[in-house]
Amino acid sequence: MKLNLIPTLVLGSILIIGFSCGGGEANPEIEKLIQKRDSLKALHADIGKALSEVENQIAKLDTSIERRYVYVTLSDIEKSAFEHSFQVHGNVEADASMSLYPEMPGNIKKVYVNEGQSVTSGQVLAELDLSVLYNQRKEKK
């Protein structure tokens, strides 16, 4: 059903466009203007070419024009790996940071995580040196 509908729509569209665009007599004034426009465009193109040729001849003959040459070096093309690197100086700041405070004072004996490492809640991060605390406890007894 759809296959028969598409050619019918296309043919109908072509007929509608053909009838709406055609059928009128050509206006002689419009035809004259179109011809004049086309001849002026051709003349404009010819003048542009002639002007370009004259400017090139002047450039060749005029010794007062300073000529700037760009020197280039040519080399054979070789296949190689592309290596690119760059150095950046600055400060890096984290989006979020956390300050940690132990429940009791003391020196840190061992650290179990590295800087920048992700951690989870409840994970042991460091171990305190408890020898001072044990000595204080002994003294109180």
Protein backbone atom coordinates (compact mmCIF):
# COMPACT_ATOMS: atom_id res chain seq x y z
CA MET A 1 0.00 0.00 0.00
CA LYS A 2 2.79 2.42 0.93
CA LEU A 3 4.73 1.60 -2.25
CA ASN A 4 1.83 2.71 -4.46
CA LEU A 5 1.23 5.86 -2.39
CA ILE A 6 4.76 7.29 -2.74
CA PRO A 7 4.88 7.43 -6.58
CA THR A 8 1.38 8.94 -6.59
CA LEU A 9 2.45 11.71 -4.19
CA VAL A 10 5.61 12.43 -6.17
CA LEU A 11 3.72 12.61 -9.50
CA GLY A 12 1.04 14.82 -7.96
CA SER A 13 3.63 17.19 -6.53
CA ILE A 14 5.36 17.49 -9.90
CA LEU A 15 2.08 18.27 -11.66
CA ILE A 16 1.09 20.92 -9.10
CA ILE A 17 4.48 22.62 -9.35
CA GLY A 18 4.40 22.47 -13.14
CA PHE A 19 0.97 24.09 -13.41
CA SER A 20 1.68 26.78 -10.82
CA CYS A 21 5.03 27.84 -12.33
CA GLY A 22 4.22 27.68 -16.02
CA GLY A 23 1.57 28.98 -18.33
CA GLY A 24 2.38 32.68 -18.31
CA GLU A 25 3.79 34.62 -21.22
CA ALA A 26 7.36 35.87 -20.89
CA ASN A 27 7.64 39.57 -20.13
CA PRO A 28 9.89 41.18 -22.80
CA GLU A 29 11.11 43.84 -20.36
CA ILE A 30 12.28 41.18 -17.90
CA GLU A 31 14.05 39.31 -20.71
CA LYS A 32 15.93 42.49 -21.73
CA LEU A 33 17.00 43.12 -18.14
CA ILE A 34 18.18 39.55 -17.74
CA GLN A 35 20.28 39.82 -20.92
CA LYS A 36 21.75 43.14 -19.77
CA ARG A 37 22.62 41.65 -16.38
CA ASP A 38 24.32 38.65 -17.99
CA SER A 39 26.37 40.84 -20.35
CA LEU A 40 27.45 43.10 -17.46
CA LYS A 41 28.53 40.07 -15.43
CA ALA A 42 30.63 38.82 -18.34
CA LEU A 43 32.14 42.30 -18.80
CA HIS A 44 32.90 42.48 -15.07
CA ALA A 45 34.73 39.14 -15.22
CA ASP A 46 36.77 40.26 -18.24
CA ILE A 47 37.74 43.53 -16.52
CA GLY A 48 38.78 41.62 -13.38
CA LYS A 49 41.05 39.32 -15.40
CA ALA A 50 42.61 42.24 -17.28
CA LEU A 51 43.20 44.17 -14.05
CA SER A 52 44.87 41.15 -12.46
CA GLU A 53 47.21 40.75 -15.46
CA VAL A 54 48.19 44.45 -15.34
CA GLU A 55 48.91 44.26 -11.59
CA ASN A 56 51.11 41.18 -12.11
CA GLN A 57 53.08 42.93 -14.88
CA ILE A 58 53.58 46.01 -12.66
CA ALA A 59 54.83 43.83 -9.82
CA LYS A 60 57.36 42.16 -12.13
CA LEU A 61 58.70 45.44 -13.58
CA ASP A 62 58.62 47.72 -10.52
CA THR A 63 61.97 47.55 -8.70
CA SER A 64 60.83 49.81 -5.86
CA ILE A 65 58.59 47.11 -4.45
CA GLU A 66 60.37 45.30 -1.63
CA ARG A 67 60.14 41.60 -2.19
CA ARG A 68 59.96 39.41 0.86
CA TYR A 69 60.93 35.84 0.36
CA VAL A 70 60.19 33.08 2.79
CA TYR A 71 62.87 30.43 2.89
CA VAL A 72 61.78 26.90 3.62
CA THR A 73 63.59 23.64 4.18
CA LEU A 74 62.37 20.43 2.63
CA SER A 75 62.98 16.97 3.99
CA ASP A 76 61.88 13.46 3.22
CA ILE A 77 58.82 12.16 5.03
CA GLU A 78 59.57 9.50 7.61
CA LYS A 79 57.08 7.45 9.55
CA SER A 80 57.57 7.79 13.31
CA ALA A 81 55.64 7.75 16.55
CA PHE A 82 54.20 11.08 17.63
CA GLU A 83 55.58 12.07 21.01
CA HIS A 84 54.37 15.17 22.75
CA SER A 85 54.71 16.34 26.31
CA PHE A 86 54.36 19.55 28.26
CA GLN A 87 55.14 20.82 31.74
CA VAL A 88 52.67 22.66 33.92
CA HIS A 89 53.43 24.57 37.09
CA GLY A 90 50.78 25.35 39.66
CA ASN A 91 48.90 24.16 42.70
CA VAL A 92 46.50 21.25 42.80
CA GLU A 93 43.52 21.53 45.11
CA ALA A 94 41.10 18.74 45.97
CA ASP A 95 37.35 19.16 45.62
CA ALA A 96 36.90 17.92 49.16
CA SER A 97 39.27 17.30 52.05
CA MET A 98 38.94 16.00 55.58
CA SER A 99 40.84 16.89 58.75
CA LEU A 100 41.42 13.98 61.13
CA TYR A 101 41.83 14.30 64.90
CA PRO A 102 42.60 11.30 67.14
CA GLU A 103 40.56 10.71 70.28
CA MET A 104 43.74 10.90 72.39
CA PRO A 105 47.08 12.65 71.88
CA GLY A 106 50.13 10.70 70.77
CA ASN A 107 52.67 10.08 68.04
CA ILE A 108 51.78 8.18 64.89
CA LYS A 109 53.54 4.81 64.80
CA LYS A 110 52.45 3.61 61.34
CA VAL A 111 50.37 4.95 58.40
CA TYR A 112 48.34 2.37 56.45
CA VAL A 113 47.26 4.51 53.45
CA ASN A 114 49.08 6.63 50.89
CA GLU A 115 48.39 10.25 49.99
CA GLY A 116 45.63 10.49 47.39
CA GLN A 117 44.39 6.96 48.03
CA SER A 118 40.62 6.44 48.34
CA VAL A 119 39.42 5.26 51.73
CA THR A 120 36.16 3.92 53.12
CA SER A 121 34.28 4.54 56.33
CA GLY A 122 35.69 2.55 59.25
CA GLN A 123 39.02 1.79 57.54
CA VAL A 124 42.09 2.03 59.81
CA LEU A 125 44.27 4.84 58.48
CA ALA A 126 47.07 5.04 61.04
CA GLU A 127 48.29 3.48 64.30
CA LEU A 128 49.24 5.57 67.34
CA ASP A 129 52.29 4.85 69.50
CA LEU A 130 50.61 3.69 72.72
CA SER A 131 53.80 3.19 74.76
CA VAL A 132 53.41 6.65 76.38
CA LEU A 133 49.82 5.82 77.33
CA TYR A 134 50.89 2.44 78.81
CA ASN A 135 53.65 4.14 80.84
CA GLN A 136 51.20 6.71 82.21
CA ARG A 137 48.82 3.91 83.15
CA LYS A 138 51.58 2.06 85.01
CA GLU A 139 52.53 5.22 86.91
CA LYS A 140 48.96 5.74 88.12
CA LYS A 141 48.77 2.19 89.53
